[in-house]
């Protein structure tokens, strides 16, 4: 199916040929790279390589999303990571909502390959009671009302499906069941942004992540003036600037550690 205008993946590399820091940005369930594009543009303007993949089943029509499952989405983000690792010294993954779930799984499975991760309102569970019946109705009820556009900022719009495909949503819950018990395996540096007022992913999700991850380097940032899609909301500038500082700090520390190890070996 044709990709919706604005839903295309994006990529950028520094024009001077430097290959130091790169970031993969993963959008959420039913969303598109559009929700991450401004963040990617900000990173690129700072000389950071970026990749914003379009996850399978997204950005075309909602029926396509029901034909995919979480391993398909995960594989797309993982491919972007592998592509960047061939060129850059430090590769980070940033994820919003379900993109945050995928990011956490990558940190669990590929932690040694990642310099760090940033999460915006990541999901690992839900308090919605209708979610408990979704596995039983998924083949009869193909969709339920959508979850897009939870944005406080007037005039901001998320390019996303207007409905939530049921089978895809059930697959996300299967991913939660893998990620949540293994949060302790996340040991890389973590920058977490969360909105106290979120009508899609309840704030308890960020609480569970903060309590469960095993990293010694964790920064928690409260987005008091944004709802769920915070990368398009009032606090977006804070997300953008803090994430640049985060990747530069972590990259500098990694470079210092690497230089120290090399010096120690040669001595």
C-alpha atoms as a PDB file:
ATOM      1  CA  UNK A   1       0.000   0.000   0.000  1.00  0.00           C
ATOM      2  CA  UNK A   2       1.175   3.590  -0.633  1.00  0.00           C
ATOM      3  CA  UNK A   3       2.716   5.327   2.353  1.00  0.00           C
ATOM      4  CA  UNK A   4       0.733   8.265   3.706  1.00  0.00           C
ATOM      5  CA  UNK A   5       2.317  11.655   2.953  1.00  0.00           C
ATOM      6  CA  UNK A   6       4.427  12.588   5.962  1.00  0.00           C
ATOM      7  CA  UNK A   7       4.725   9.028   7.228  1.00  0.00           C
ATOM      8  CA  UNK A   8       7.944   8.267   5.365  1.00  0.00           C
ATOM      9  CA  UNK A   9      11.053   7.112   7.227  1.00  0.00           C
ATOM     10  CA  UNK A  10      13.872   9.615   7.565  1.00  0.00           C
ATOM     11  CA  UNK A  11      17.660   9.540   7.808  1.00  0.00           C
ATOM     12  CA  UNK A  12      20.507  12.002   8.123  1.00  0.00           C
ATOM     13  CA  UNK A  13      24.282  11.841   8.469  1.00  0.00           C
ATOM     14  CA  UNK A  14      26.697  14.643   9.333  1.00  0.00           C
ATOM     15  CA  UNK A  15      27.910  16.478   6.263  1.00  0.00           C
ATOM     16  CA  UNK A  16      31.505  16.703   7.478  1.00  0.00           C
ATOM     17  CA  UNK A  17      31.928  12.934   7.456  1.00  0.00           C
ATOM     18  CA  UNK A  18      32.226  12.635  11.228  1.00  0.00           C
ATOM     19  CA  UNK A  19      30.792   9.376  12.515  1.00  0.00           C
ATOM     20  CA  UNK A  20      30.721   9.712  16.290  1.00  0.00           C
ATOM     21  CA  UNK A  21      27.131   9.622  17.612  1.00  0.00           C
ATOM     22  CA  UNK A  22      23.967   8.267  15.998  1.00  0.00           C
ATOM     23  CA  UNK A  23      20.390   7.742  17.162  1.00  0.00           C
ATOM     24  CA  UNK A  24      17.557   5.473  16.039  1.00  0.00           C
ATOM     25  CA  UNK A  25      14.127   6.991  16.791  1.00  0.00           C
ATOM     26  CA  UNK A  26      11.161   4.630  17.098  1.00  0.00           C
ATOM     27  CA  UNK A  27       7.564   5.801  16.957  1.00  0.00           C
ATOM     28  CA  UNK A  28       4.633   4.190  18.762  1.00  0.00           C
ATOM     29  CA  UNK A  29       1.788   1.824  17.920  1.00  0.00           C
ATOM     30  CA  UNK A  30      -0.494   3.184  15.156  1.00  0.00           C
ATOM     31  CA  UNK A  31       1.829   6.179  14.771  1.00  0.00           C
ATOM     32  CA  UNK A  32       4.427   7.082  12.146  1.00  0.00           C
ATOM     33  CA  UNK A  33       7.908   8.620  11.915  1.00  0.00           C
ATOM     34  CA  UNK A  34       6.146  11.995  11.738  1.00  0.00           C
ATOM     35  CA  UNK A  35       5.898  12.037  15.535  1.00  0.00           C
ATOM     36  CA  UNK A  36       9.701  11.687  15.789  1.00  0.00           C
ATOM     37  CA  UNK A  37      10.772  13.777  12.796  1.00  0.00           C
ATOM     38  CA  UNK A  38      11.214  17.121  14.602  1.00  0.00           C
ATOM     39  CA  UNK A  39      13.317  15.363  17.239  1.00  0.00           C
ATOM     40  CA  UNK A  40      15.411  13.791  14.508  1.00  0.00           C
ATOM     41  CA  UNK A  41      15.854  17.133  12.770  1.00  0.00           C
ATOM     42  CA  UNK A  42      17.064  18.693  16.010  1.00  0.00           C
ATOM     43  CA  UNK A  43      19.592  15.896  16.523  1.00  0.00           C
ATOM     44  CA  UNK A  44      20.784  16.177  12.913  1.00  0.00           C
ATOM     45  CA  UNK A  45      21.295  19.931  13.309  1.00  0.00           C
ATOM     46  CA  UNK A  46      23.603  19.086  16.220  1.00  0.00           C
ATOM     47  CA  UNK A  47      25.772  16.867  14.006  1.00  0.00           C
ATOM     48  CA  UNK A  48      24.264  13.572  15.160  1.00  0.00           C
ATOM     49  CA  UNK A  49      23.388  10.798  12.718  1.00  0.00           C
ATOM     50  CA  UNK A  50      19.727   9.807  12.786  1.00  0.00           C
ATOM     51  CA  UNK A  51      17.455   7.070  11.491  1.00  0.00           C
ATOM     52  CA  UNK A  52      13.688   7.177  11.862  1.00  0.00           C
ATOM     53  CA  UNK A  53      12.320   3.881  10.534  1.00  0.00           C
ATOM     54  CA  UNK A  54       8.672   3.349   9.648  1.00  0.00           C
ATOM     55  CA  UNK A  55       7.606   0.259  11.541  1.00  0.00           C
ATOM     56  CA  UNK A  56       5.905  -2.484   9.478  1.00  0.00           C
ATOM     57  CA  UNK A  57       2.155  -2.050   9.130  1.00  0.00           C
ATOM     58  CA  UNK A  58       2.288   1.644   9.991  1.00  0.00           C
ATOM     59  CA  UNK A  59       1.695   4.692   7.844  1.00  0.00           C
ATOM     60  CA  UNK A  60      -0.463   2.996   5.208  1.00  0.00           C
ATOM     61  CA  UNK A  61      -3.859   1.691   6.395  1.00  0.00           C
ATOM     62  CA  UNK A  62      -4.885   0.191   9.697  1.00  0.00           C
ATOM     63  CA  UNK A  63      -5.615  -3.239   8.193  1.00  0.00           C
ATOM     64  CA  UNK A  64      -1.907  -3.607   7.390  1.00  0.00           C
ATOM     65  CA  UNK A  65      -1.008  -3.230  11.043  1.00  0.00           C
ATOM     66  CA  UNK A  66      -3.225  -6.190  11.970  1.00  0.00           C
ATOM     67  CA  UNK A  67      -1.043  -8.342   9.708  1.00  0.00           C
ATOM     68  CA  UNK A  68       2.107  -7.593  11.685  1.00  0.00           C
ATOM     69  CA  UNK A  69       3.339  -8.550  15.134  1.00  0.00           C
ATOM     70  CA  UNK A  70       5.857  -7.157  17.585  1.00  0.00           C
ATOM     71  CA  UNK A  71       8.832  -9.168  16.208  1.00  0.00           C
ATOM     72  CA  UNK A  72       8.273  -7.382  12.876  1.00  0.00           C
ATOM     73  CA  UNK A  73       8.474  -3.969  14.547  1.00  0.00           C
ATOM     74  CA  UNK A  74      11.442  -5.012  16.661  1.00  0.00           C
ATOM     75  CA  UNK A  75      13.352  -6.300  13.641  1.00  0.00           C
ATOM     76  CA  UNK A  76      12.965  -2.967  11.850  1.00  0.00           C
ATOM     77  CA  UNK A  77      14.479  -1.022  14.741  1.00  0.00           C
ATOM     78  CA  UNK A  78      17.201  -3.632  15.163  1.00  0.00           C
ATOM     79  CA  UNK A  79      18.153  -3.321  11.482  1.00  0.00           C
ATOM     80  CA  UNK A  80      18.546   0.419  11.883  1.00  0.00           C
ATOM     81  CA  UNK A  81      20.800  -0.132  14.906  1.00  0.00           C
ATOM     82  CA  UNK A  82      22.974  -2.603  13.013  1.00  0.00           C
ATOM     83  CA  UNK A  83      23.295  -0.239  10.052  1.00  0.00           C
ATOM     84  CA  UNK A  84      24.472   2.601  12.278  1.00  0.00           C
ATOM     85  CA  UNK A  85      26.852   0.448  14.293  1.00  0.00           C
ATOM     86  CA  UNK A  86      28.860  -0.174  11.123  1.00  0.00           C
ATOM     87  CA  UNK A  87      29.579   3.556  10.840  1.00  0.00           C
ATOM     88  CA  UNK A  88      29.297   5.220  14.255  1.00  0.00           C
ATOM     89  CA  UNK A  89      31.171   4.856  17.520  1.00  0.00           C
ATOM     90  CA  UNK A  90      28.165   5.359  19.829  1.00  0.00           C
ATOM     91  CA  UNK A  91      24.638   4.308  18.859  1.00  0.00           C
ATOM     92  CA  UNK A  92      21.594   5.217  20.940  1.00  0.00           C
ATOM     93  CA  UNK A  93      17.927   4.254  20.587  1.00  0.00           C
ATOM     94  CA  UNK A  94      15.113   6.645  21.466  1.00  0.00           C
ATOM     95  CA  UNK A  95      11.533   5.370  21.658  1.00  0.00           C
ATOM     96  CA  UNK A  96       8.121   6.837  22.364  1.00  0.00           C
ATOM     97  CA  UNK A  97       5.239   4.779  23.785  1.00  0.00           C
ATOM     98  CA  UNK A  98       5.413   1.321  22.141  1.00  0.00           C
ATOM     99  CA  UNK A  99       8.663   2.530  20.578  1.00  0.00           C
ATOM    100  CA  UNK A 100       9.901   2.745  24.149  1.00  0.00           C
ATOM    101  CA  UNK A 101       8.876  -0.855  24.728  1.00  0.00           C
ATOM    102  CA  UNK A 102      10.900  -1.925  21.698  1.00  0.00           C
ATOM    103  CA  UNK A 103      13.800   0.177  22.938  1.00  0.00           C
ATOM    104  CA  UNK A 104      13.728  -1.522  26.322  1.00  0.00           C
ATOM    105  CA  UNK A 105      13.747  -4.927  24.640  1.00  0.00           C
ATOM    106  CA  UNK A 106      16.750  -3.931  22.552  1.00  0.00           C
ATOM    107  CA  UNK A 107      18.554  -2.817  25.697  1.00  0.00           C
ATOM    108  CA  UNK A 108      17.774  -6.192  27.267  1.00  0.00           C
ATOM    109  CA  UNK A 109      18.883  -8.212  24.252  1.00  0.00           C
ATOM    110  CA  UNK A 110      21.589  -5.986  22.757  1.00  0.00           C
ATOM    111  CA  UNK A 111      22.716  -3.882  25.690  1.00  0.00           C
ATOM    112  CA  UNK A 112      26.422  -4.162  24.879  1.00  0.00           C
ATOM    113  CA  UNK A 113      25.760  -2.725  21.420  1.00  0.00           C
ATOM    114  CA  UNK A 114      23.950   0.378  22.667  1.00  0.00           C
ATOM    115  CA  UNK A 115      25.552   3.429  24.227  1.00  0.00           C
ATOM    116  CA  UNK A 116      22.271   4.331  25.917  1.00  0.00           C
ATOM    117  CA  UNK A 117      18.527   4.763  25.481  1.00  0.00           C
ATOM    118  CA  UNK A 118      15.926   7.511  25.864  1.00  0.00           C
ATOM    119  CA  UNK A 119      12.270   6.772  26.545  1.00  0.00           C
ATOM    120  CA  UNK A 120       9.201   8.988  26.213  1.00  0.00           C
ATOM    121  CA  UNK A 121       6.134   7.638  28.015  1.00  0.00           C
ATOM    122  CA  UNK A 122       7.116   3.997  27.441  1.00  0.00           C
ATOM    123  CA  UNK A 123       4.515   1.268  27.852  1.00  0.00           C
ATOM    124  CA  UNK A 124       4.951  -1.995  29.750  1.00  0.00           C
ATOM    125  CA  UNK A 125       1.375  -2.575  30.958  1.00  0.00           C
ATOM    126  CA  UNK A 126      -2.112  -1.089  30.935  1.00  0.00           C
ATOM    127  CA  UNK A 127      -4.835  -0.514  33.503  1.00  0.00           C
ATOM    128  CA  UNK A 128      -7.594  -0.578  30.882  1.00  0.00           C
ATOM    129  CA  UNK A 129     -10.075  -3.313  31.700  1.00  0.00           C
ATOM    130  CA  UNK A 130     -11.036  -3.871  28.065  1.00  0.00           C
ATOM    131  CA  UNK A 131      -7.481  -5.018  27.381  1.00  0.00           C
ATOM    132  CA  UNK A 132      -8.203  -8.249  29.267  1.00  0.00           C
ATOM    133  CA  UNK A 133     -10.806  -9.326  26.737  1.00  0.00           C
ATOM    134  CA  UNK A 134      -8.845  -8.297  23.637  1.00  0.00           C
ATOM    135  CA  UNK A 135      -7.207 -11.728  23.164  1.00  0.00           C
ATOM    136  CA  UNK A 136     -10.644 -13.339  23.020  1.00  0.00           C
ATOM    137  CA  UNK A 137     -12.245 -10.902  20.586  1.00  0.00           C
ATOM    138  CA  UNK A 138      -9.308 -10.093  18.324  1.00  0.00           C
ATOM    139  CA  UNK A 139     -10.528 -12.321  15.475  1.00  0.00           C
ATOM    140  CA  UNK A 140     -14.085 -11.023  15.700  1.00  0.00           C
ATOM    141  CA  UNK A 141     -13.513  -7.343  16.458  1.00  0.00           C
ATOM    142  CA  UNK A 142     -10.727  -6.113  14.145  1.00  0.00           C
ATOM    143  CA  UNK A 143     -10.345  -2.697  15.744  1.00  0.00           C
ATOM    144  CA  UNK A 144     -11.302  -0.510  18.672  1.00  0.00           C
ATOM    145  CA  UNK A 145     -11.297   3.301  18.968  1.00  0.00           C
ATOM    146  CA  UNK A 146      -7.886   4.830  18.338  1.00  0.00           C
ATOM    147  CA  UNK A 147      -5.385   6.254  20.808  1.00  0.00           C
ATOM    148  CA  UNK A 148      -3.729   8.904  18.634  1.00  0.00           C
ATOM    149  CA  UNK A 149      -3.446  12.665  19.153  1.00  0.00           C
ATOM    150  CA  UNK A 150      -3.224  12.809  22.927  1.00  0.00           C
ATOM    151  CA  UNK A 151      -1.500  16.208  22.727  1.00  0.00           C
ATOM    152  CA  UNK A 152      -2.033  19.243  24.946  1.00  0.00           C
ATOM    153  CA  UNK A 153      -0.498  21.798  22.570  1.00  0.00           C
ATOM    154  CA  UNK A 154      -3.171  23.558  20.472  1.00  0.00           C
ATOM    155  CA  UNK A 155      -2.896  22.890  16.754  1.00  0.00           C
ATOM    156  CA  UNK A 156      -0.422  19.992  17.041  1.00  0.00           C
ATOM    157  CA  UNK A 157      -1.506  16.832  15.222  1.00  0.00           C
ATOM    158  CA  UNK A 158      -0.116  13.315  15.186  1.00  0.00           C
ATOM    159  CA  UNK A 159      -0.182  11.456  11.885  1.00  0.00           C
ATOM    160  CA  UNK A 160      -1.574   8.102  12.989  1.00  0.00           C
ATOM    161  CA  UNK A 161      -4.425   5.663  12.444  1.00  0.00           C
ATOM    162  CA  UNK A 162      -7.791   6.716  13.819  1.00  0.00           C
ATOM    163  CA  UNK A 163      -8.371   3.223  15.192  1.00  0.00           C
ATOM    164  CA  UNK A 164      -6.375   0.640  17.138  1.00  0.00           C
ATOM    165  CA  UNK A 165      -6.100  -2.701  15.306  1.00  0.00           C
ATOM    166  CA  UNK A 166      -6.956  -5.378  17.847  1.00  0.00           C
ATOM    167  CA  UNK A 167      -4.554  -8.134  16.808  1.00  0.00           C
ATOM    168  CA  UNK A 168      -1.645  -5.692  16.787  1.00  0.00           C
ATOM    169  CA  UNK A 169      -2.621  -4.460  20.253  1.00  0.00           C
ATOM    170  CA  UNK A 170      -2.694  -8.030  21.561  1.00  0.00           C
ATOM    171  CA  UNK A 171       0.789  -8.572  20.169  1.00  0.00           C
ATOM    172  CA  UNK A 172       2.015  -5.544  22.083  1.00  0.00           C
ATOM    173  CA  UNK A 173       0.718  -7.092  25.319  1.00  0.00           C
ATOM    174  CA  UNK A 174       2.767 -10.190  24.502  1.00  0.00           C
ATOM    175  CA  UNK A 175       5.846  -7.967  24.242  1.00  0.00           C
ATOM    176  CA  UNK A 176       5.036  -6.410  27.617  1.00  0.00           C
ATOM    177  CA  UNK A 177       5.049  -9.861  29.173  1.00  0.00           C
ATOM    178  CA  UNK A 178       8.629 -10.333  27.967  1.00  0.00           C
ATOM    179  CA  UNK A 179       9.942  -6.881  28.770  1.00  0.00           C
ATOM    180  CA  UNK A 180       8.471  -6.207  32.210  1.00  0.00           C
ATOM    181  CA  UNK A 181       9.960  -9.196  34.123  1.00  0.00           C
ATOM    182  CA  UNK A 182      13.395  -8.550  32.589  1.00  0.00           C
ATOM    183  CA  UNK A 183      13.729  -4.814  33.200  1.00  0.00           C
ATOM    184  CA  UNK A 184      16.709  -5.546  35.423  1.00  0.00           C
ATOM    185  CA  UNK A 185      18.663  -6.546  32.311  1.00  0.00           C
ATOM    186  CA  UNK A 186      18.612  -2.918  31.160  1.00  0.00           C
ATOM    187  CA  UNK A 187      21.996  -1.678  32.341  1.00  0.00           C
ATOM    188  CA  UNK A 188      22.966   0.987  29.819  1.00  0.00           C
ATOM    189  CA  UNK A 189      22.428   4.712  30.584  1.00  0.00           C
ATOM    190  CA  UNK A 190      18.741   5.659  30.518  1.00  0.00           C
ATOM    191  CA  UNK A 191      17.046   9.015  29.976  1.00  0.00           C
ATOM    192  CA  UNK A 192      13.329   8.769  30.751  1.00  0.00           C
ATOM    193  CA  UNK A 193      10.739  11.443  30.000  1.00  0.00           C
ATOM    194  CA  UNK A 194       7.235  10.975  31.338  1.00  0.00           C
ATOM    195  CA  UNK A 195       4.013  12.966  31.408  1.00  0.00           C
ATOM    196  CA  UNK A 196       1.977  12.914  34.651  1.00  0.00           C
ATOM    197  CA  UNK A 197      -1.121  13.570  32.525  1.00  0.00           C
ATOM    198  CA  UNK A 198      -1.167  10.841  29.884  1.00  0.00           C
ATOM    199  CA  UNK A 199      -4.473   9.532  28.557  1.00  0.00           C
ATOM    200  CA  UNK A 200      -2.950   6.607  26.628  1.00  0.00           C
ATOM    201  CA  UNK A 201      -0.100   5.139  28.685  1.00  0.00           C
ATOM    202  CA  UNK A 202      -0.774   5.476  32.383  1.00  0.00           C
ATOM    203  CA  UNK A 203       2.046   7.070  34.461  1.00  0.00           C
ATOM    204  CA  UNK A 204       2.418   3.801  36.397  1.00  0.00           C
ATOM    205  CA  UNK A 205       4.294   2.518  33.341  1.00  0.00           C
ATOM    206  CA  UNK A 206       7.187   4.914  33.891  1.00  0.00           C
ATOM    207  CA  UNK A 207       7.145   4.104  37.594  1.00  0.00           C
ATOM    208  CA  UNK A 208       7.528   0.396  36.825  1.00  0.00           C
ATOM    209  CA  UNK A 209      10.374   1.121  34.410  1.00  0.00           C
ATOM    210  CA  UNK A 210      12.235   3.316  36.893  1.00  0.00           C
ATOM    211  CA  UNK A 211      11.810   0.753  39.670  1.00  0.00           C
ATOM    212  CA  UNK A 212      12.794  -2.192  37.510  1.00  0.00           C
ATOM    213  CA  UNK A 213      15.745  -1.198  35.341  1.00  0.00           C
ATOM    214  CA  UNK A 214      19.233  -2.178  36.451  1.00  0.00           C
ATOM    215  CA  UNK A 215      21.128   0.840  35.144  1.00  0.00           C
ATOM    216  CA  UNK A 216      23.252   2.939  37.477  1.00  0.00           C
ATOM    217  CA  UNK A 217      22.904   5.942  35.152  1.00  0.00           C
ATOM    218  CA  UNK A 218      19.238   7.002  35.105  1.00  0.00           C
ATOM    219  CA  UNK A 219      17.816  10.466  34.507  1.00  0.00           C
ATOM    220  CA  UNK A 220      14.093  11.003  35.085  1.00  0.00           C
ATOM    221  CA  UNK A 221      12.484  14.091  33.545  1.00  0.00           C
ATOM    222  CA  UNK A 222       8.873  15.065  34.267  1.00  0.00           C
ATOM    223  CA  UNK A 223       6.986  16.650  31.354  1.00  0.00           C
ATOM    224  CA  UNK A 224       4.465  18.730  33.265  1.00  0.00           C
ATOM    225  CA  UNK A 225       3.028  20.519  30.219  1.00  0.00           C
ATOM    226  CA  UNK A 226       2.516  17.601  27.826  1.00  0.00           C
ATOM    227  CA  UNK A 227       0.245  14.628  27.316  1.00  0.00           C
ATOM    228  CA  UNK A 228       1.171  11.319  25.689  1.00  0.00           C
ATOM    229  CA  UNK A 229       2.711  12.352  22.356  1.00  0.00           C
ATOM    230  CA  UNK A 230       5.212  14.589  24.088  1.00  0.00           C
ATOM    231  CA  UNK A 231       7.557  14.869  21.103  1.00  0.00           C
ATOM    232  CA  UNK A 232       4.872  17.011  19.426  1.00  0.00           C
ATOM    233  CA  UNK A 233       3.735  18.758  22.592  1.00  0.00           C
ATOM    234  CA  UNK A 234       4.700  21.749  24.701  1.00  0.00           C
ATOM    235  CA  UNK A 235       7.693  20.032  26.302  1.00  0.00           C
ATOM    236  CA  UNK A 236       9.247  18.915  23.014  1.00  0.00           C
ATOM    237  CA  UNK A 237      12.076  21.507  23.204  1.00  0.00           C
ATOM    238  CA  UNK A 238      13.055  20.124  26.625  1.00  0.00           C
ATOM    239  CA  UNK A 239      13.121  16.595  25.213  1.00  0.00           C
ATOM    240  CA  UNK A 240      15.272  17.684  22.292  1.00  0.00           C
ATOM    241  CA  UNK A 241      17.869  19.663  24.262  1.00  0.00           C
ATOM    242  CA  UNK A 242      18.124  17.204  27.151  1.00  0.00           C
ATOM    243  CA  UNK A 243      18.616  14.281  24.779  1.00  0.00           C
ATOM    244  CA  UNK A 244      21.488  16.043  22.989  1.00  0.00           C
ATOM    245  CA  UNK A 245      23.195  16.695  26.317  1.00  0.00           C
ATOM    246  CA  UNK A 246      22.592  13.063  27.295  1.00  0.00           C
ATOM    247  CA  UNK A 247      24.160  11.496  24.199  1.00  0.00           C
ATOM    248  CA  UNK A 248      27.141  13.838  24.298  1.00  0.00           C
ATOM    249  CA  UNK A 249      27.785  13.134  27.969  1.00  0.00           C
ATOM    250  CA  UNK A 250      27.534   9.378  27.562  1.00  0.00           C
ATOM    251  CA  UNK A 251      29.622   9.385  24.382  1.00  0.00           C
ATOM    252  CA  UNK A 252      32.336  11.461  26.061  1.00  0.00           C
ATOM    253  CA  UNK A 253      32.441   9.074  29.007  1.00  0.00           C
ATOM    254  CA  UNK A 254      32.676   6.089  26.671  1.00  0.00           C
ATOM    255  CA  UNK A 255      35.490   7.734  24.729  1.00  0.00           C
ATOM    256  CA  UNK A 256      37.379   8.481  27.935  1.00  0.00           C
ATOM    257  CA  UNK A 257      36.944   4.907  29.155  1.00  0.00           C
ATOM    258  CA  UNK A 258      38.093   3.585  25.796  1.00  0.00           C
ATOM    259  CA  UNK A 259      41.157   5.819  25.777  1.00  0.00           C
ATOM    260  CA  UNK A 260      41.983   4.789  29.326  1.00  0.00           C
ATOM    261  CA  UNK A 261      41.707   1.098  28.451  1.00  0.00           C
ATOM    262  CA  UNK A 262      43.928   1.553  25.409  1.00  0.00           C
ATOM    263  CA  UNK A 263      46.495   3.485  27.442  1.00  0.00           C
ATOM    264  CA  UNK A 264      46.467   0.862  30.137  1.00  0.00           C
ATOM    265  CA  UNK A 265      46.974  -1.920  27.599  1.00  0.00           C
ATOM    266  CA  UNK A 266      49.856  -0.190  25.863  1.00  0.00           C
ATOM    267  CA  UNK A 267      51.557   0.559  29.190  1.00  0.00           C
END
